[in-house]
Amino acid sequence: MVVNYEFLDKEPMDNLITCLNFKVDKVVFLGFQEDITRSGKSLEKFLSKYCGIKEVVFKAVPKYNLHTVFETLRREVEREKEKGNKVYFDLTGGTNLVLAAFGMLSKEMNTPMHMFDVAEDRLIELNEDTDSGIRRNVEMRKVPLTLDMVIEMHGGAINYRMHKESKEISDDEFAEDVEKIYSVGVKYWEYWNPFSDLLEKLFNPPSNTLTVSKSMPFVQRVINKSGTKLVSVKVFGEIAEELKKAGILSEVSRSNDKYTITYKNEELKEILWEGGTILELQTYLEESMRSDDCRVGVHLDWDGVIHKGSVVDLVNEVDVLALNGNVPTFISCKSGKMNYAQILHALYELDTVANRFGGKYCKKVLVTAQPVRGVYLERAREMKIEVRFAGR
């Protein structure tokens, strides 16, 4: 039997990384009682469900007594070695006190130690005698991570019931249409969200049809009274014509009496009506090309239990969520112009959600249609948030 010993860290990935890469039979966690109470059951469930671990044991140790930690560890290891089991120490994560105990016992009992560079997915063996290390003596296997697993290991769940059909790339043609809409949107970022709002307000066709006509005086009156920067039909018409050239609108016709628009299909109509969706979908297309797993419009449930009926779940939506190796990337997309308060809110919301569901290894990205400058860009750097400008 292969037995892996490690300290129960607050970071789930540190606790799981060895079992995701090697065929381990039993895991023994040394940890503080409050951490065992908080995360022990969920960790044991994850290890059994995804890693096939037969046995998970938790041993509570004091925070400031090296002798007690050392003796507890020694008794456990002696018991396993008497059974003829292979014992390994994983030093990934953990406190200095426990790591010192591992190091002392490793030297005394010739027990190999290793750790992982989680971000790089790289094993580091710490003993001079590498022939006794885990790489040479334990079967390697790779449990493929998914975004569902990452969110689950942090105590949450993806709520698929809340996913919007408009935020789904159905085929290659649809992906091409998304890129075409994005190319138009980039040219008119300042007007894009107001344009989307007015398009839905003015050109909302009856059910089972994609064509709608409105009187030109009515269109002019609504646009002029909208309070947006579309102070006339001129810019509205320019954007509509660009979408027609791109094949997104099948028809755009104007006369003194009538303004007619025909949408290519129902899916693209929905995208055009939701101003921020096009930036999310384009970001998803770009991110999915370099990711192991990628989703758009992901609703994250905080307690991992999807309730039914009148119970209200605490949920946050992440515009784009990607996974590269062991590292999840949380991406927030903002297509409209943001004032100072809105910029700060976007940064803090992204930071909170990413840290909650991604842990210390996650990456955080804010994609904006308008540049973020000055102290706000500096604040983003302090929060380790990458800011990308979706400009031309």
Protein backbone atom coordinates (compact mmCIF):
# COMPACT_ATOMS: atom_id res chain seq x y z
CA MET A 1 0.00 0.00 0.00
CA VAL A 2 1.21 3.51 -0.86
CA VAL A 3 0.66 5.97 2.00
CA ASN A 4 1.10 9.71 1.56
CA TYR A 5 1.56 11.97 4.60
CA GLU A 6 1.04 15.70 4.45
CA PHE A 7 -0.09 18.72 6.36
CA LEU A 8 -3.71 19.77 5.97
CA ASP A 9 -3.41 23.15 4.30
CA LYS A 10 -6.16 25.73 3.82
CA GLU A 11 -5.46 25.62 0.07
CA PRO A 12 -7.31 22.58 -1.40
CA MET A 13 -4.96 22.13 -4.34
CA ASP A 14 -1.98 21.73 -2.00
CA ASN A 15 -3.80 18.88 -0.27
CA LEU A 16 -4.78 17.12 -3.50
CA ILE A 17 -1.87 17.59 -5.87
CA THR A 18 -0.01 14.34 -5.07
CA CYS A 19 -3.13 12.21 -5.39
CA LEU A 20 -3.97 13.88 -8.70
CA ASN A 21 -0.60 12.76 -10.07
CA PHE A 22 0.17 9.43 -8.36
CA LYS A 23 -1.78 6.28 -7.57
CA VAL A 24 -1.98 6.56 -3.78
CA ASP A 25 -3.93 4.13 -1.59
CA LYS A 26 -4.07 6.05 1.69
CA VAL A 27 -3.58 9.66 2.77
CA VAL A 28 -2.82 10.80 6.30
CA PHE A 29 -3.31 14.49 7.02
CA LEU A 30 -1.75 16.17 10.04
CA GLY A 31 -3.61 19.37 10.76
CA PHE A 32 -5.16 21.74 13.23
CA GLN A 33 -8.53 20.67 14.62
CA GLU A 34 -10.46 23.67 13.26
CA ASP A 35 -9.17 22.96 9.74
CA ILE A 36 -10.07 19.28 10.01
CA THR A 37 -13.58 20.20 11.18
CA ARG A 38 -14.03 22.74 8.39
CA SER A 39 -12.77 20.84 5.36
CA GLY A 40 -12.13 17.22 6.35
CA LYS A 41 -15.36 15.69 5.05
CA SER A 42 -15.35 17.51 1.71
CA LEU A 43 -11.68 16.64 1.15
CA GLU A 44 -12.27 12.98 1.93
CA LYS A 45 -15.25 12.93 -0.46
CA PHE A 46 -13.21 14.52 -3.27
CA LEU A 47 -10.29 12.10 -2.84
CA SER A 48 -12.61 9.10 -2.96
CA LYS A 49 -14.72 10.39 -5.85
CA TYR A 50 -12.00 11.56 -8.22
CA CYS A 51 -8.74 9.97 -7.04
CA GLY A 52 -9.92 6.56 -5.88
CA ILE A 53 -8.30 6.90 -2.46
CA LYS A 54 -9.30 3.97 -0.26
CA GLU A 55 -8.60 5.54 3.11
CA VAL A 56 -8.23 9.10 4.41
CA VAL A 57 -7.08 9.74 7.99
CA PHE A 58 -6.91 13.04 9.88
CA LYS A 59 -4.65 13.52 12.89
CA ALA A 60 -5.05 16.69 14.93
CA VAL A 61 -1.79 18.30 16.10
CA PRO A 62 -1.07 21.42 18.21
CA LYS A 63 0.02 24.64 16.56
CA TYR A 64 3.13 25.39 18.61
CA ASN A 65 4.53 22.09 19.93
CA LEU A 66 7.15 20.59 17.61
CA HIS A 67 7.82 17.61 19.92
CA THR A 68 4.15 16.54 19.92
CA VAL A 69 3.90 16.91 16.14
CA PHE A 70 7.10 14.92 15.65
CA GLU A 71 6.05 12.09 17.98
CA THR A 72 2.57 11.87 16.45
CA LEU A 73 4.07 11.62 12.99
CA ARG A 74 6.67 9.08 14.10
CA ARG A 75 4.07 6.73 15.61
CA GLU A 76 1.96 6.88 12.48
CA VAL A 77 4.88 6.21 10.14
CA GLU A 78 6.24 3.35 12.25
CA ARG A 79 2.81 1.70 12.16
CA GLU A 80 2.63 1.91 8.38
CA LYS A 81 6.18 0.66 7.83
CA GLU A 82 5.57 -2.30 10.11
CA LYS A 83 2.79 -3.29 7.74
CA GLY A 84 5.24 -3.15 4.84
CA ASN A 85 3.62 -0.08 3.29
CA LYS A 86 5.49 2.50 1.22
CA VAL A 87 5.48 5.88 2.98
CA TYR A 88 6.05 9.31 1.40
CA PHE A 89 6.01 12.84 2.76
CA ASP A 90 4.40 15.61 0.71
CA LEU A 91 5.66 19.04 1.76
CA THR A 92 3.42 21.04 -0.59
CA GLY A 93 1.83 23.77 1.54
CA GLY A 94 1.99 23.43 5.30
CA THR A 95 3.39 25.41 8.22
CA ASN A 96 7.03 25.70 9.25
CA LEU A 97 6.43 23.68 12.41
CA VAL A 98 5.01 20.65 10.59
CA LEU A 99 7.52 20.88 7.76
CA ALA A 100 10.33 20.80 10.34
CA ALA A 101 8.87 17.62 11.81
CA PHE A 102 8.65 16.03 8.37
CA GLY A 103 12.26 16.94 7.65
CA MET A 104 13.56 15.57 10.96
CA LEU A 105 11.66 12.30 10.60
CA SER A 106 12.61 11.90 6.96
CA LYS A 107 16.28 11.91 7.93
CA GLU A 108 15.77 9.56 10.88
CA MET A 109 13.59 6.99 9.12
CA ASN A 110 14.86 7.44 5.56
CA THR A 111 11.43 8.44 4.30
CA PRO A 112 11.44 10.23 0.92
CA MET A 113 10.00 13.76 0.69
CA HIS A 114 8.62 15.64 -2.29
CA MET A 115 6.65 18.75 -3.12
CA PHE A 116 4.89 20.23 -6.13
CA ASP A 117 5.21 23.52 -7.89
CA VAL A 118 1.45 23.60 -8.39
CA ALA A 119 1.33 26.49 -10.85
CA GLU A 120 3.90 24.80 -13.11
CA ASP A 121 2.58 21.30 -12.35
CA ARG A 122 6.15 20.20 -11.56
CA LEU A 123 7.26 17.55 -9.06
CA ILE A 124 10.29 18.38 -6.90
CA GLU A 125 11.93 15.48 -5.04
CA LEU A 126 13.82 16.65 -1.97
CA ASN A 127 16.04 13.68 -1.05
CA GLU A 128 19.55 13.11 -2.31
CA ASP A 129 18.70 9.47 -2.92
CA THR A 130 16.22 9.93 -5.74
CA ASP A 131 16.00 6.16 -6.28
CA SER A 132 13.76 6.00 -3.22
CA GLY A 133 11.57 8.87 -4.36
CA ILE A 134 7.92 8.73 -5.29
CA ARG A 135 8.55 9.18 -9.01
CA ARG A 136 10.42 5.88 -9.32
CA ASN A 137 8.40 3.78 -6.91
CA VAL A 138 4.78 4.79 -7.31
CA GLU A 139 2.62 4.49 -10.41
CA MET A 140 2.13 7.88 -12.00
CA ARG A 141 -1.30 8.80 -13.30
CA LYS A 142 -2.92 12.08 -14.20
CA VAL A 143 -6.43 12.80 -12.99
CA PRO A 144 -7.66 15.34 -15.56
CA LEU A 145 -8.99 18.42 -13.83
CA THR A 146 -12.16 20.18 -14.96
CA LEU A 147 -13.67 23.47 -13.89
CA ASP A 148 -16.42 21.57 -12.07
CA MET A 149 -13.77 19.80 -10.01
CA VAL A 150 -11.90 23.02 -9.21
CA ILE A 151 -15.07 24.72 -8.01
CA GLU A 152 -16.11 21.61 -6.06
CA MET A 153 -12.75 21.32 -4.26
CA HIS A 154 -13.30 24.89 -3.02
CA GLY A 155 -16.73 24.02 -1.66
CA GLY A 156 -18.87 25.43 -4.46
CA ALA A 157 -20.76 24.16 -7.49
CA ILE A 158 -21.62 25.34 -11.00
CA ASN A 159 -25.35 25.97 -11.33
CA TYR A 160 -26.16 24.90 -14.88
CA ARG A 161 -29.87 25.67 -14.47
CA MET A 162 -29.04 29.38 -14.53
CA HIS A 163 -26.96 29.24 -17.71
CA LYS A 164 -28.31 31.40 -20.56
CA GLU A 165 -28.64 29.89 -24.03
CA SER A 166 -27.46 33.19 -25.54
CA LYS A 167 -24.08 32.55 -23.90
CA GLU A 168 -23.34 29.34 -25.76
CA ILE A 169 -21.25 28.85 -28.91
CA SER A 170 -23.23 26.19 -30.78
CA ASP A 171 -21.10 25.67 -33.93
CA ASP A 172 -18.33 27.10 -36.14
CA GLU A 173 -20.71 29.34 -38.09
CA PHE A 174 -22.01 30.84 -34.88
CA ALA A 175 -18.45 31.43 -33.69
CA GLU A 176 -17.69 33.25 -36.93
CA ASP A 177 -20.78 35.41 -36.48
CA VAL A 178 -19.67 36.27 -32.95
CA GLU A 179 -16.33 37.47 -34.29
CA LYS A 180 -18.12 39.54 -36.93
CA ILE A 181 -20.32 41.23 -34.34
CA TYR A 182 -17.26 41.85 -32.17
CA SER A 183 -15.41 43.50 -35.06
CA VAL A 184 -18.30 45.95 -35.39
CA GLY A 185 -18.61 46.46 -31.66
CA VAL A 186 -14.93 47.33 -31.29
CA LYS A 187 -15.35 50.15 -33.79
CA TYR A 188 -18.28 51.56 -31.81
CA TRP A 189 -17.53 50.66 -28.17
CA GLU A 190 -18.63 54.09 -26.96
CA TYR A 191 -22.05 53.56 -28.49
CA TRP A 192 -22.39 49.78 -28.35
CA ASN A 193 -24.40 49.31 -25.14
CA PRO A 194 -26.80 52.20 -25.91
CA PHE A 195 -27.19 50.81 -29.43
CA SER A 196 -28.10 47.38 -28.04
CA ASP A 197 -30.64 48.86 -25.65
CA LEU A 198 -32.29 50.90 -28.40
CA LEU A 199 -32.25 47.98 -30.84
CA GLU A 200 -34.24 45.88 -28.39
CA LYS A 201 -36.56 48.74 -27.52
CA LEU A 202 -37.27 49.79 -31.10
CA PHE A 203 -36.91 46.64 -33.20
CA ASN A 204 -38.46 43.87 -31.18
CA PRO A 205 -40.28 41.71 -33.75
CA PRO A 206 -43.44 39.75 -33.07
CA SER A 207 -43.00 36.09 -32.12
CA ASN A 208 -42.06 33.65 -34.89
CA THR A 209 -40.58 36.37 -37.08
CA LEU A 210 -37.23 38.12 -37.43
CA THR A 211 -38.43 41.24 -39.26
CA VAL A 212 -39.79 44.40 -37.69
CA SER A 213 -40.71 47.78 -39.14
CA LYS A 214 -41.27 51.04 -37.31
CA SER A 215 -42.22 54.49 -38.53
CA MET A 216 -39.23 56.75 -39.05
CA PRO A 217 -40.69 59.61 -36.93
CA PHE A 218 -41.18 57.16 -34.05
CA VAL A 219 -37.59 55.88 -34.35
CA GLN A 220 -36.22 59.43 -34.38
CA ARG A 221 -38.32 60.44 -31.40
CA VAL A 222 -37.28 57.45 -29.26
CA ILE A 223 -33.58 57.86 -30.07
CA ASN A 224 -33.58 61.59 -29.45
CA LYS A 225 -35.30 61.13 -26.08
CA SER A 226 -33.19 58.16 -25.01
CA GLY A 227 -30.67 60.23 -23.06
CA THR A 228 -27.79 58.28 -24.63
CA LYS A 229 -25.01 59.55 -26.84
CA LEU A 230 -27.02 58.35 -29.83
CA VAL A 231 -28.51 61.81 -30.23
CA SER A 232 -29.71 61.07 -33.76
CA VAL A 233 -30.37 58.12 -36.01
CA LYS A 234 -27.02 58.74 -37.72
CA VAL A 235 -24.78 56.61 -35.47
CA PHE A 236 -27.54 54.06 -34.95
CA GLY A 237 -27.81 53.73 -38.71
CA GLU A 238 -24.04 53.43 -39.16
CA ILE A 239 -23.83 50.54 -36.71
CA ALA A 240 -26.85 48.81 -38.26
CA GLU A 241 -25.33 49.12 -41.74
CA GLU A 242 -22.02 47.67 -40.49
CA LEU A 243 -23.90 44.71 -39.06
CA LYS A 244 -25.70 44.27 -42.37
CA LYS A 245 -22.40 44.24 -44.27
CA ALA A 246 -21.15 41.61 -41.82
CA GLY A 247 -24.23 39.46 -42.54
CA ILE A 248 -25.59 39.71 -38.99
CA LEU A 249 -28.63 41.76 -40.00
CA SER A 250 -30.22 40.40 -43.17
CA GLU A 251 -31.99 43.67 -43.93
CA VAL A 252 -31.64 47.31 -42.95
CA SER A 253 -33.80 49.69 -44.94
CA ARG A 254 -34.84 53.27 -44.34
CA SER A 255 -37.23 55.66 -45.99
CA ASN A 256 -38.97 58.84 -44.96
CA ASP A 257 -41.81 56.79 -43.56
CA LYS A 258 -40.37 53.47 -42.41
CA TYR A 259 -37.32 51.86 -40.79
CA THR A 260 -37.08 48.05 -41.24
CA ILE A 261 -34.62 45.57 -39.71
CA THR A 262 -34.39 41.80 -40.19
CA TYR A 263 -32.20 39.66 -37.95
CA LYS A 264 -30.23 36.73 -39.37
CA ASN A 265 -31.49 34.37 -36.67
CA GLU A 266 -32.93 34.28 -33.16
CA GLU A 267 -29.57 33.57 -31.46
CA LEU A 268 -27.82 36.57 -32.96
CA LYS A 269 -30.80 38.77 -32.14
CA GLU A 270 -30.40 37.86 -28.46
CA ILE A 271 -26.69 38.68 -28.56
CA LEU A 272 -27.33 42.05 -30.19
CA TRP A 273 -29.85 42.92 -27.50
CA GLU A 274 -27.46 42.15 -24.64
CA GLY A 275 -24.69 44.70 -25.08
CA GLY A 276 -22.11 43.04 -22.83
CA THR A 277 -22.56 39.53 -24.23
CA ILE A 278 -20.44 40.03 -27.33
CA LEU A 279 -17.34 40.93 -25.31
CA GLU A 280 -17.88 37.87 -23.12
CA LEU A 281 -18.31 35.53 -26.10
CA GLN A 282 -15.29 36.92 -27.94
CA THR A 283 -13.18 36.62 -24.80
CA TYR A 284 -14.40 33.05 -24.41
CA LEU A 285 -13.45 32.19 -28.01
CA GLU A 286 -9.95 33.56 -27.53
CA GLU A 287 -9.45 31.96 -24.12
CA SER A 288 -10.81 28.55 -25.12
CA MET A 289 -8.11 28.20 -27.77
CA ARG A 290 -5.41 28.07 -25.08
CA SER A 291 -7.27 26.38 -22.21
CA ASP A 292 -7.94 22.82 -21.11
CA ASP A 293 -11.48 23.75 -20.10
CA CYS A 294 -13.36 27.00 -20.68
CA ARG A 295 -16.91 28.21 -20.04
CA VAL A 296 -18.82 31.45 -20.53
CA GLY A 297 -21.54 32.85 -18.27
CA VAL A 298 -20.80 30.54 -15.32
CA HIS A 299 -23.00 30.76 -12.21
CA LEU A 300 -21.14 29.73 -9.06
CA ASP A 301 -23.12 28.54 -6.04
CA TRP A 302 -21.34 29.42 -2.80
CA ASP A 303 -22.23 26.43 -0.62
CA GLY A 304 -22.13 23.77 -3.33
CA VAL A 305 -25.79 22.81 -2.84
CA ILE A 306 -28.22 23.67 -5.65
CA HIS A 307 -31.52 24.23 -3.88
CA LYS A 308 -34.97 23.91 -5.37
CA GLY A 309 -38.18 25.72 -4.62
CA SER A 310 -38.26 28.87 -2.53
CA VAL A 311 -34.75 28.53 -1.07
CA VAL A 312 -32.49 31.27 -2.43
CA ASP A 313 -28.92 30.32 -3.31
CA LEU A 314 -26.01 32.74 -2.99
CA VAL A 315 -24.67 32.86 -6.55
CA ASN A 316 -22.10 34.89 -8.48
CA GLU A 317 -21.79 34.91 -12.25
CA VAL A 318 -18.33 34.76 -13.80
CA ASP A 319 -18.27 36.03 -17.38
CA VAL A 320 -15.53 33.64 -18.53
CA LEU A 321 -13.91 30.85 -16.53
CA ALA A 322 -10.90 28.97 -17.90
CA LEU A 323 -8.56 26.24 -16.68
CA ASN A 324 -4.94 25.76 -17.67
CA GLY A 325 -3.35 22.79 -15.92
CA ASN A 326 -3.95 23.37 -12.22
CA VAL A 327 -4.63 27.10 -12.56
CA PRO A 328 -8.14 28.53 -13.03
CA THR A 329 -8.57 31.97 -14.57
CA PHE A 330 -11.54 34.15 -13.60
CA ILE A 331 -12.39 36.79 -16.20
CA SER A 332 -14.76 39.72 -15.80
CA CYS A 333 -15.82 41.56 -18.97
CA LYS A 334 -17.04 45.17 -18.96
CA SER A 335 -18.16 46.55 -22.32
CA GLY A 336 -19.64 49.84 -21.11
CA LYS A 337 -18.00 53.00 -19.89
CA MET A 338 -17.34 52.79 -16.14
CA ASN A 339 -17.03 55.58 -13.61
CA TYR A 340 -14.55 55.38 -10.75
CA ALA A 341 -16.94 53.65 -8.37
CA GLN A 342 -17.86 51.06 -11.00
CA ILE A 343 -14.20 50.28 -11.73
CA LEU A 344 -13.48 49.68 -8.06
CA HIS A 345 -16.62 47.56 -7.68
CA ALA A 346 -15.59 45.42 -10.66
CA LEU A 347 -12.10 44.90 -9.21
CA TYR A 348 -13.30 43.98 -5.72
CA GLU A 349 -16.06 41.69 -6.97
CA LEU A 350 -13.63 39.82 -9.24
CA ASP A 351 -11.07 39.54 -6.44
CA THR A 352 -13.63 38.19 -3.96
CA VAL A 353 -15.15 35.58 -6.27
CA ALA A 354 -11.81 34.39 -7.67
CA ASN A 355 -10.21 34.00 -4.26
CA ARG A 356 -13.26 32.15 -2.93
CA PHE A 357 -13.49 29.62 -5.77
CA GLY A 358 -9.95 29.58 -7.16
CA GLY A 359 -7.69 29.80 -4.13
CA LYS A 360 -4.16 31.14 -4.08
CA TYR A 361 -3.18 29.77 -7.49
CA CYS A 362 -5.94 31.41 -9.51
CA LYS A 363 -5.46 34.16 -12.05
CA LYS A 364 -7.76 37.19 -12.28
CA VAL A 365 -8.42 39.18 -15.44
CA LEU A 366 -10.57 42.25 -16.08
CA VAL A 367 -11.35 42.84 -19.77
CA THR A 368 -12.69 46.32 -20.53
CA ALA A 369 -13.88 48.20 -23.58
CA GLN A 370 -12.60 51.44 -22.05
CA PRO A 371 -9.01 51.82 -20.76
CA VAL A 372 -8.38 51.69 -17.00
CA ARG A 373 -5.74 54.21 -15.99
CA GLY A 374 -3.96 55.83 -13.07
CA VAL A 375 -4.60 54.78 -9.50
CA TYR A 376 -7.22 52.25 -10.61
CA LEU A 377 -4.73 50.40 -12.78
CA GLU A 378 -2.28 50.47 -9.89
CA ARG A 379 -4.97 49.13 -7.55
CA ALA A 380 -5.59 46.28 -9.99
CA ARG A 381 -1.89 45.41 -9.95
CA GLU A 382 -1.88 45.40 -6.15
CA MET A 383 -4.77 42.92 -6.24
CA LYS A 384 -2.89 40.84 -8.84
CA ILE A 385 -5.58 41.47 -11.43
CA GLU A 386 -4.49 41.65 -15.06
CA VAL A 387 -6.33 44.38 -16.98
CA ARG A 388 -6.83 43.85 -20.71
CA PHE A 389 -8.13 46.59 -22.99
CA ALA A 390 -10.36 45.21 -25.73
CA GLY A 391 -9.52 48.06 -28.04
CA ARG A 392 -9.08 48.20 -31.76
